[in-house]
Amino acid sequence: MTKVIDINKDHKEIAVITLNREEAANALSVGLLHQLGDAIAGLQDEPAVRCIIVTGSGQKAFCAGADLKERAGMAEGEVRRTVKLIGDTISALEALPQPVIAAINGSAFGGGLELALACDIRIASAHSRLGLTETSLGIIPGAGGTQRLPRLIGTAKAKELILTARRIDVNEAERLGIISKVTSQEELMQAAWAIAKEIAKNAPLALKAAKKAINLGMDTDLQTGLQIEGLFYGTTISSKDRLEGLKAFKEKRSPVYTGE
């Protein structure tokens, strides 16, 4: 099988996953999805990796969504299985314990935007365009778009974008809160790395606990959310990293965290 997912772990604390089908706008073929799933599984229990960056190859597309040329030759049952595979893969990305940054290097439509929405932080190059365009193709977002986008920007605006299948530029995406930073194409990965390094210098167990507390707490009421926060705070109290953080603060030096 042609390698369509690249994983760069030259920096031991930061891994970069690159969708590598530039000739097909990095579309989510079945082969790419299987390789992406393997990459995600491989990083799941990688203790050295504290942050992950996801991006696409080339300068035109982050990910164009499902591979519609491939899908055109599928029977209905195969389409259903492929849609489930996309959803399961994107959910597995969201469930990674490490913080994940989407470095959107071009268009992110349909499943491509759904992939980005499953990441914790999204930044984009200035020429990028985003949209959940499925209703213009006779379908609906099927990999979490109808659920994650409303949670991110509110129900009314999410309905407007999904029902119109509108494609928006990065300025509107930033204003709505879909992305948090716009850069030039040349500075995109540098900006992603800068955020990743800021994250990676912090305590690994605390990073994972904070991400989990936020994700679980957002789906419930405030009082339950505060209980969830307290539960995950408790998981850090007995860690060596917490003691190292206190010691480093007292000694006025940078902490050296080990993830223990």
C-alpha atoms as a PDB file:
ATOM      1  CA  MET A   1       0.000   0.000   0.000  1.00  0.00           C
ATOM      2  CA  THR A   2       1.331   3.457  -0.884  1.00  0.00           C
ATOM      3  CA  LYS A   3       2.366   5.416   2.172  1.00  0.00           C
ATOM      4  CA  VAL A   4      -0.082   8.299   2.484  1.00  0.00           C
ATOM      5  CA  ILE A   5       0.549   9.198   6.135  1.00  0.00           C
ATOM      6  CA  ASP A   6       3.886  10.584   7.270  1.00  0.00           C
ATOM      7  CA  ILE A   7       4.820  10.716  10.946  1.00  0.00           C
ATOM      8  CA  ASN A   8       7.720  12.924  11.955  1.00  0.00           C
ATOM      9  CA  LYS A   9       9.052  12.389  15.462  1.00  0.00           C
ATOM     10  CA  ASP A  10      12.426  14.084  15.059  1.00  0.00           C
ATOM     11  CA  HIS A  11      11.542  16.147  18.102  1.00  0.00           C
ATOM     12  CA  LYS A  12      10.764  13.458  20.676  1.00  0.00           C
ATOM     13  CA  GLU A  13       8.083  15.475  22.476  1.00  0.00           C
ATOM     14  CA  ILE A  14       6.183  16.587  19.356  1.00  0.00           C
ATOM     15  CA  ALA A  15       4.874  14.356  16.563  1.00  0.00           C
ATOM     16  CA  VAL A  16       3.693  15.631  13.176  1.00  0.00           C
ATOM     17  CA  ILE A  17       1.127  13.648  11.177  1.00  0.00           C
ATOM     18  CA  THR A  18       0.980  14.695   7.520  1.00  0.00           C
ATOM     19  CA  LEU A  19      -1.799  13.646   5.147  1.00  0.00           C
ATOM     20  CA  ASN A  20       0.269  12.875   2.068  1.00  0.00           C
ATOM     21  CA  ARG A  21      -2.077  12.700  -0.948  1.00  0.00           C
ATOM     22  CA  GLU A  22      -1.362  16.099  -2.436  1.00  0.00           C
ATOM     23  CA  GLU A  23      -2.426  14.930  -5.898  1.00  0.00           C
ATOM     24  CA  ALA A  24      -5.906  14.160  -4.481  1.00  0.00           C
ATOM     25  CA  ALA A  25      -6.163  17.219  -2.207  1.00  0.00           C
ATOM     26  CA  ASN A  26      -5.329  14.900   0.726  1.00  0.00           C
ATOM     27  CA  ALA A  27      -8.795  13.360   0.463  1.00  0.00           C
ATOM     28  CA  LEU A  28      -9.789  10.640   2.921  1.00  0.00           C
ATOM     29  CA  SER A  29      -9.475   7.451   0.903  1.00  0.00           C
ATOM     30  CA  VAL A  30      -9.957   4.117   2.630  1.00  0.00           C
ATOM     31  CA  GLY A  31      -6.208   3.509   2.448  1.00  0.00           C
ATOM     32  CA  LEU A  32      -5.402   6.863   4.032  1.00  0.00           C
ATOM     33  CA  LEU A  33      -7.951   6.279   6.780  1.00  0.00           C
ATOM     34  CA  HIS A  34      -6.455   2.918   7.708  1.00  0.00           C
ATOM     35  CA  GLN A  35      -2.964   4.406   7.834  1.00  0.00           C
ATOM     36  CA  LEU A  36      -4.179   7.395   9.827  1.00  0.00           C
ATOM     37  CA  GLY A  37      -5.893   5.051  12.270  1.00  0.00           C
ATOM     38  CA  ASP A  38      -2.650   3.115  12.689  1.00  0.00           C
ATOM     39  CA  ALA A  39      -0.747   6.364  13.281  1.00  0.00           C
ATOM     40  CA  ILE A  40      -3.238   7.458  15.921  1.00  0.00           C
ATOM     41  CA  ALA A  41      -3.079   4.077  17.664  1.00  0.00           C
ATOM     42  CA  GLY A  42       0.714   4.226  17.631  1.00  0.00           C
ATOM     43  CA  LEU A  43       0.725   7.620  19.349  1.00  0.00           C
ATOM     44  CA  GLN A  44      -1.970   6.728  21.881  1.00  0.00           C
ATOM     45  CA  ASP A  45       0.441   5.159  24.353  1.00  0.00           C
ATOM     46  CA  GLU A  46       3.614   6.970  23.306  1.00  0.00           C
ATOM     47  CA  PRO A  47       4.786   8.452  26.630  1.00  0.00           C
ATOM     48  CA  ALA A  48       7.455  10.696  25.100  1.00  0.00           C
ATOM     49  CA  VAL A  49       4.987  12.539  22.833  1.00  0.00           C
ATOM     50  CA  ARG A  50       3.386  15.511  24.586  1.00  0.00           C
ATOM     51  CA  CYS A  51       1.766  17.242  21.606  1.00  0.00           C
ATOM     52  CA  ILE A  52       0.735  16.285  18.059  1.00  0.00           C
ATOM     53  CA  ILE A  53       0.408  18.438  14.934  1.00  0.00           C
ATOM     54  CA  VAL A  54      -1.824  17.340  12.040  1.00  0.00           C
ATOM     55  CA  THR A  55      -1.384  18.951   8.627  1.00  0.00           C
ATOM     56  CA  GLY A  56      -1.643  18.220   4.907  1.00  0.00           C
ATOM     57  CA  SER A  57       0.974  18.053   2.187  1.00  0.00           C
ATOM     58  CA  GLY A  58       1.253  20.813  -0.374  1.00  0.00           C
ATOM     59  CA  GLN A  59      -0.152  24.325  -0.275  1.00  0.00           C
ATOM     60  CA  LYS A  60      -3.657  23.912  -1.693  1.00  0.00           C
ATOM     61  CA  ALA A  61      -5.491  21.558   0.649  1.00  0.00           C
ATOM     62  CA  PHE A  62      -5.429  20.469   4.256  1.00  0.00           C
ATOM     63  CA  CYS A  63      -8.009  17.822   3.416  1.00  0.00           C
ATOM     64  CA  ALA A  64     -10.797  17.906   0.835  1.00  0.00           C
ATOM     65  CA  GLY A  65     -12.900  15.450   2.848  1.00  0.00           C
ATOM     66  CA  ALA A  66     -14.059  12.063   1.610  1.00  0.00           C
ATOM     67  CA  ASP A  67     -12.535  10.747  -1.600  1.00  0.00           C
ATOM     68  CA  LEU A  68     -15.601  11.173  -3.814  1.00  0.00           C
ATOM     69  CA  LYS A  69     -13.937   9.587  -6.846  1.00  0.00           C
ATOM     70  CA  GLU A  70     -13.320   6.436  -4.833  1.00  0.00           C
ATOM     71  CA  ARG A  71     -16.813   6.565  -3.348  1.00  0.00           C
ATOM     72  CA  ALA A  72     -18.461   6.810  -6.772  1.00  0.00           C
ATOM     73  CA  GLY A  73     -17.500   3.188  -7.405  1.00  0.00           C
ATOM     74  CA  MET A  74     -18.835   1.884  -4.090  1.00  0.00           C
ATOM     75  CA  ALA A  75     -22.056  -0.004  -3.461  1.00  0.00           C
ATOM     76  CA  GLU A  76     -24.378   1.396  -0.786  1.00  0.00           C
ATOM     77  CA  GLY A  77     -23.170  -0.987   1.906  1.00  0.00           C
ATOM     78  CA  GLU A  78     -19.561  -0.073   1.237  1.00  0.00           C
ATOM     79  CA  VAL A  79     -20.433   3.627   1.437  1.00  0.00           C
ATOM     80  CA  ARG A  80     -21.974   3.073   4.871  1.00  0.00           C
ATOM     81  CA  ARG A  81     -18.860   1.230   6.087  1.00  0.00           C
ATOM     82  CA  THR A  82     -16.581   3.946   4.744  1.00  0.00           C
ATOM     83  CA  VAL A  83     -18.584   6.726   6.390  1.00  0.00           C
ATOM     84  CA  LYS A  84     -18.343   4.834   9.681  1.00  0.00           C
ATOM     85  CA  LEU A  85     -14.593   4.404   9.173  1.00  0.00           C
ATOM     86  CA  ILE A  86     -14.189   8.155   8.692  1.00  0.00           C
ATOM     87  CA  GLY A  87     -16.219   8.891  11.833  1.00  0.00           C
ATOM     88  CA  ASP A  88     -14.400   6.303  13.921  1.00  0.00           C
ATOM     89  CA  THR A  89     -10.988   7.541  12.779  1.00  0.00           C
ATOM     90  CA  ILE A  90     -11.815  11.167  13.516  1.00  0.00           C
ATOM     91  CA  SER A  91     -13.215  10.221  16.938  1.00  0.00           C
ATOM     92  CA  ALA A  92     -10.012   8.287  17.676  1.00  0.00           C
ATOM     93  CA  LEU A  93      -8.025  11.426  16.860  1.00  0.00           C
ATOM     94  CA  GLU A  94     -10.197  13.451  19.226  1.00  0.00           C
ATOM     95  CA  ALA A  95      -9.728  10.818  21.956  1.00  0.00           C
ATOM     96  CA  LEU A  96      -5.920  10.999  21.886  1.00  0.00           C
ATOM     97  CA  PRO A  97      -4.709  11.920  25.379  1.00  0.00           C
ATOM     98  CA  GLN A  98      -2.191  14.420  24.034  1.00  0.00           C
ATOM     99  CA  PRO A  99      -3.214  17.893  22.822  1.00  0.00           C
ATOM    100  CA  VAL A 100      -3.591  17.958  19.021  1.00  0.00           C
ATOM    101  CA  ILE A 101      -3.054  21.009  16.804  1.00  0.00           C
ATOM    102  CA  ALA A 102      -4.505  21.221  13.287  1.00  0.00           C
ATOM    103  CA  ALA A 103      -2.224  23.235  11.009  1.00  0.00           C
ATOM    104  CA  ILE A 104      -4.658  23.934   8.169  1.00  0.00           C
ATOM    105  CA  ASN A 105      -2.518  24.560   5.101  1.00  0.00           C
ATOM    106  CA  GLY A 106      -5.315  25.030   2.556  1.00  0.00           C
ATOM    107  CA  SER A 107      -8.928  24.097   1.934  1.00  0.00           C
ATOM    108  CA  ALA A 108     -10.694  22.019   4.582  1.00  0.00           C
ATOM    109  CA  PHE A 109     -14.105  20.955   3.336  1.00  0.00           C
ATOM    110  CA  GLY A 110     -16.534  18.286   4.518  1.00  0.00           C
ATOM    111  CA  GLY A 111     -14.661  15.543   6.299  1.00  0.00           C
ATOM    112  CA  GLY A 112     -11.520  17.660   6.149  1.00  0.00           C
ATOM    113  CA  LEU A 113     -13.077  20.282   8.389  1.00  0.00           C
ATOM    114  CA  GLU A 114     -14.569  17.535  10.549  1.00  0.00           C
ATOM    115  CA  LEU A 115     -11.041  16.201  11.002  1.00  0.00           C
ATOM    116  CA  ALA A 116      -9.851  19.650  12.072  1.00  0.00           C
ATOM    117  CA  LEU A 117     -12.802  20.079  14.441  1.00  0.00           C
ATOM    118  CA  ALA A 118     -11.680  16.954  16.310  1.00  0.00           C
ATOM    119  CA  CYS A 119      -8.359  18.643  17.091  1.00  0.00           C
ATOM    120  CA  ASP A 120      -7.915  20.759  20.214  1.00  0.00           C
ATOM    121  CA  ILE A 121      -6.438  23.835  18.543  1.00  0.00           C
ATOM    122  CA  ARG A 122      -6.768  24.990  14.928  1.00  0.00           C
ATOM    123  CA  ILE A 123      -4.596  27.476  13.079  1.00  0.00           C
ATOM    124  CA  ALA A 124      -4.729  28.169   9.345  1.00  0.00           C
ATOM    125  CA  SER A 125      -2.808  29.777   6.519  1.00  0.00           C
ATOM    126  CA  ALA A 126      -4.317  32.961   5.120  1.00  0.00           C
ATOM    127  CA  HIS A 127      -5.483  31.469   1.816  1.00  0.00           C
ATOM    128  CA  SER A 128      -7.372  28.571   3.422  1.00  0.00           C
ATOM    129  CA  ARG A 129     -11.120  28.137   3.082  1.00  0.00           C
ATOM    130  CA  LEU A 130     -13.341  26.032   5.317  1.00  0.00           C
ATOM    131  CA  GLY A 131     -16.820  24.576   5.114  1.00  0.00           C
ATOM    132  CA  LEU A 132     -19.142  21.699   5.858  1.00  0.00           C
ATOM    133  CA  THR A 133     -20.375  21.388   2.296  1.00  0.00           C
ATOM    134  CA  GLU A 134     -22.194  18.055   2.466  1.00  0.00           C
ATOM    135  CA  THR A 135     -25.764  19.293   1.976  1.00  0.00           C
ATOM    136  CA  SER A 136     -24.776  20.559  -1.489  1.00  0.00           C
ATOM    137  CA  LEU A 137     -23.958  16.919  -2.335  1.00  0.00           C
ATOM    138  CA  GLY A 138     -27.226  15.473  -1.072  1.00  0.00           C
ATOM    139  CA  ILE A 139     -25.862  14.236   2.274  1.00  0.00           C
ATOM    140  CA  ILE A 140     -25.095  15.690   5.705  1.00  0.00           C
ATOM    141  CA  PRO A 141     -21.880  15.881   7.728  1.00  0.00           C
ATOM    142  CA  GLY A 142     -21.411  12.315   8.919  1.00  0.00           C
ATOM    143  CA  ALA A 143     -18.159  12.406  10.891  1.00  0.00           C
ATOM    144  CA  GLY A 144     -19.157  14.639  13.766  1.00  0.00           C
ATOM    145  CA  GLY A 145     -19.714  17.966  12.020  1.00  0.00           C
ATOM    146  CA  THR A 146     -23.342  18.371  13.120  1.00  0.00           C
ATOM    147  CA  GLN A 147     -22.257  17.829  16.737  1.00  0.00           C
ATOM    148  CA  ARG A 148     -18.824  19.403  17.091  1.00  0.00           C
ATOM    149  CA  LEU A 149     -19.446  22.638  15.161  1.00  0.00           C
ATOM    150  CA  PRO A 150     -22.515  23.707  17.234  1.00  0.00           C
ATOM    151  CA  ARG A 151     -20.581  23.007  20.418  1.00  0.00           C
ATOM    152  CA  LEU A 152     -17.779  25.211  19.156  1.00  0.00           C
ATOM    153  CA  ILE A 153     -19.621  28.220  17.687  1.00  0.00           C
ATOM    154  CA  GLY A 154     -23.246  27.880  18.835  1.00  0.00           C
ATOM    155  CA  THR A 155     -26.275  26.211  17.318  1.00  0.00           C
ATOM    156  CA  ALA A 156     -27.684  29.025  15.174  1.00  0.00           C
ATOM    157  CA  LYS A 157     -24.468  29.860  13.326  1.00  0.00           C
ATOM    158  CA  ALA A 158     -23.592  26.194  12.902  1.00  0.00           C
ATOM    159  CA  LYS A 159     -27.007  25.548  11.361  1.00  0.00           C
ATOM    160  CA  GLU A 160     -26.501  28.462   8.985  1.00  0.00           C
ATOM    161  CA  LEU A 161     -23.127  27.165   7.796  1.00  0.00           C
ATOM    162  CA  ILE A 162     -24.257  23.542   7.475  1.00  0.00           C
ATOM    163  CA  LEU A 163     -27.618  24.230   5.837  1.00  0.00           C
ATOM    164  CA  THR A 164     -26.162  26.670   3.309  1.00  0.00           C
ATOM    165  CA  ALA A 165     -23.046  24.497   2.707  1.00  0.00           C
ATOM    166  CA  ARG A 166     -21.200  27.821   2.767  1.00  0.00           C
ATOM    167  CA  ARG A 167     -17.445  28.034   2.340  1.00  0.00           C
ATOM    168  CA  ILE A 168     -15.854  30.705   4.521  1.00  0.00           C
ATOM    169  CA  ASP A 169     -12.462  32.360   4.567  1.00  0.00           C
ATOM    170  CA  VAL A 170     -10.068  32.294   7.511  1.00  0.00           C
ATOM    171  CA  ASN A 171     -11.024  35.760   8.721  1.00  0.00           C
ATOM    172  CA  GLU A 172     -14.621  34.682   9.285  1.00  0.00           C
ATOM    173  CA  ALA A 173     -13.459  31.351  10.697  1.00  0.00           C
ATOM    174  CA  GLU A 174     -11.288  33.193  13.217  1.00  0.00           C
ATOM    175  CA  ARG A 175     -14.095  35.596  14.112  1.00  0.00           C
ATOM    176  CA  LEU A 176     -16.438  32.663  14.751  1.00  0.00           C
ATOM    177  CA  GLY A 177     -13.861  30.857  16.876  1.00  0.00           C
ATOM    178  CA  ILE A 178     -13.333  27.909  14.535  1.00  0.00           C
ATOM    179  CA  ILE A 179      -9.647  28.761  14.279  1.00  0.00           C
ATOM    180  CA  SER A 180      -7.521  30.667  16.768  1.00  0.00           C
ATOM    181  CA  LYS A 181      -4.739  32.028  14.572  1.00  0.00           C
ATOM    182  CA  VAL A 182      -4.129  33.013  10.936  1.00  0.00           C
ATOM    183  CA  THR A 183      -0.622  32.952   9.474  1.00  0.00           C
ATOM    184  CA  SER A 184       1.027  33.126   6.088  1.00  0.00           C
ATOM    185  CA  GLN A 185       1.560  29.815   4.316  1.00  0.00           C
ATOM    186  CA  GLU A 186       5.288  30.097   4.950  1.00  0.00           C
ATOM    187  CA  GLU A 187       4.858  30.645   8.682  1.00  0.00           C
ATOM    188  CA  LEU A 188       2.104  28.081   9.318  1.00  0.00           C
ATOM    189  CA  MET A 189       4.222  25.167  10.535  1.00  0.00           C
ATOM    190  CA  GLN A 190       6.521  27.489  12.430  1.00  0.00           C
ATOM    191  CA  ALA A 191       3.479  28.856  14.265  1.00  0.00           C
ATOM    192  CA  ALA A 192       2.166  25.331  14.935  1.00  0.00           C
ATOM    193  CA  TRP A 193       5.548  24.290  16.296  1.00  0.00           C
ATOM    194  CA  ALA A 194       5.689  27.374  18.519  1.00  0.00           C
ATOM    195  CA  ILE A 195       2.357  26.468  20.132  1.00  0.00           C
ATOM    196  CA  ALA A 196       3.364  22.803  20.392  1.00  0.00           C
ATOM    197  CA  LYS A 197       6.610  23.715  22.150  1.00  0.00           C
ATOM    198  CA  GLU A 198       4.708  25.916  24.599  1.00  0.00           C
ATOM    199  CA  ILE A 199       2.466  22.955  25.373  1.00  0.00           C
ATOM    200  CA  ALA A 200       5.235  20.337  25.460  1.00  0.00           C
ATOM    201  CA  LYS A 201       7.226  22.140  28.154  1.00  0.00           C
ATOM    202  CA  ASN A 202       4.398  21.529  30.614  1.00  0.00           C
ATOM    203  CA  ALA A 203       3.736  18.437  32.715  1.00  0.00           C
ATOM    204  CA  PRO A 204       2.455  15.535  30.545  1.00  0.00           C
ATOM    205  CA  LEU A 205       0.032  14.160  33.142  1.00  0.00           C
ATOM    206  CA  ALA A 206      -1.371  17.638  33.729  1.00  0.00           C
ATOM    207  CA  LEU A 207      -1.823  18.191  29.976  1.00  0.00           C
ATOM    208  CA  LYS A 208      -3.762  14.955  29.617  1.00  0.00           C
ATOM    209  CA  ALA A 209      -5.858  15.632  32.734  1.00  0.00           C
ATOM    210  CA  ALA A 210      -6.708  19.177  31.625  1.00  0.00           C
ATOM    211  CA  LYS A 211      -7.734  18.033  28.138  1.00  0.00           C
ATOM    212  CA  LYS A 212      -9.919  15.267  29.540  1.00  0.00           C
ATOM    213  CA  ALA A 213     -11.547  17.567  32.098  1.00  0.00           C
ATOM    214  CA  ILE A 214     -12.396  20.153  29.436  1.00  0.00           C
ATOM    215  CA  ASN A 215     -13.757  17.611  26.963  1.00  0.00           C
ATOM    216  CA  LEU A 216     -15.927  15.795  29.497  1.00  0.00           C
ATOM    217  CA  GLY A 217     -17.019  18.953  31.296  1.00  0.00           C
ATOM    218  CA  MET A 218     -18.249  20.695  28.145  1.00  0.00           C
ATOM    219  CA  ASP A 219     -20.921  18.037  27.661  1.00  0.00           C
ATOM    220  CA  THR A 220     -22.520  18.551  31.048  1.00  0.00           C
ATOM    221  CA  ASP A 221     -23.753  21.256  33.448  1.00  0.00           C
ATOM    222  CA  LEU A 222     -21.408  23.500  35.416  1.00  0.00           C
ATOM    223  CA  GLN A 223     -21.745  21.726  38.758  1.00  0.00           C
ATOM    224  CA  THR A 224     -21.031  18.333  37.221  1.00  0.00           C
ATOM    225  CA  GLY A 225     -18.197  19.916  35.262  1.00  0.00           C
ATOM    226  CA  LEU A 226     -16.643  21.227  38.472  1.00  0.00           C
ATOM    227  CA  GLN A 227     -16.813  17.733  39.952  1.00  0.00           C
ATOM    228  CA  ILE A 228     -15.071  16.380  36.840  1.00  0.00           C
ATOM    229  CA  GLU A 229     -12.390  19.049  37.213  1.00  0.00           C
ATOM    230  CA  GLY A 230     -11.874  18.068  40.844  1.00  0.00           C
ATOM    231  CA  LEU A 231     -11.577  14.410  39.892  1.00  0.00           C
ATOM    232  CA  PHE A 232      -8.878  15.047  37.312  1.00  0.00           C
ATOM    233  CA  TYR A 233      -7.090  17.547  39.541  1.00  0.00           C
ATOM    234  CA  GLY A 234      -6.881  14.721  42.052  1.00  0.00           C
ATOM    235  CA  THR A 235      -5.041  12.519  39.571  1.00  0.00           C
ATOM    236  CA  THR A 236      -2.145  15.009  39.500  1.00  0.00           C
ATOM    237  CA  ILE A 237      -1.667  15.434  43.248  1.00  0.00           C
ATOM    238  CA  SER A 238       0.372  12.265  43.791  1.00  0.00           C
ATOM    239  CA  SER A 239       2.543  12.786  40.708  1.00  0.00           C
ATOM    240  CA  LYS A 240       6.271  13.391  40.806  1.00  0.00           C
ATOM    241  CA  ASP A 241       5.745  16.137  38.253  1.00  0.00           C
ATOM    242  CA  ARG A 242       3.645  18.156  40.733  1.00  0.00           C
ATOM    243  CA  LEU A 243       6.467  18.006  43.272  1.00  0.00           C
ATOM    244  CA  GLU A 244       8.979  18.916  40.574  1.00  0.00           C
ATOM    245  CA  GLY A 245       6.850  21.915  39.615  1.00  0.00           C
ATOM    246  CA  LEU A 246       6.803  23.170  43.204  1.00  0.00           C
ATOM    247  CA  LYS A 247      10.527  22.567  43.627  1.00  0.00           C
ATOM    248  CA  ALA A 248      11.377  24.350  40.383  1.00  0.00           C
ATOM    249  CA  PHE A 249       9.193  27.321  41.367  1.00  0.00           C
ATOM    250  CA  LYS A 250      10.964  27.569  44.723  1.00  0.00           C
ATOM    251  CA  GLU A 251      14.380  27.304  43.082  1.00  0.00           C
ATOM    252  CA  LYS A 252      13.447  29.796  40.332  1.00  0.00           C
ATOM    253  CA  ARG A 253      14.292  27.434  37.462  1.00  0.00           C
ATOM    254  CA  SER A 254      12.483  25.687  34.642  1.00  0.00           C
ATOM    255  CA  PRO A 255      10.917  22.380  35.716  1.00  0.00           C
ATOM    256  CA  VAL A 256      12.053  19.094  34.203  1.00  0.00           C
ATOM    257  CA  TYR A 257       8.966  16.935  33.847  1.00  0.00           C
ATOM    258  CA  THR A 258       9.105  13.185  33.303  1.00  0.00           C
ATOM    259  CA  GLY A 259       5.430  12.293  33.057  1.00  0.00           C
ATOM    260  CA  GLU A 260       5.421  10.481  36.396  1.00  0.00           C
END
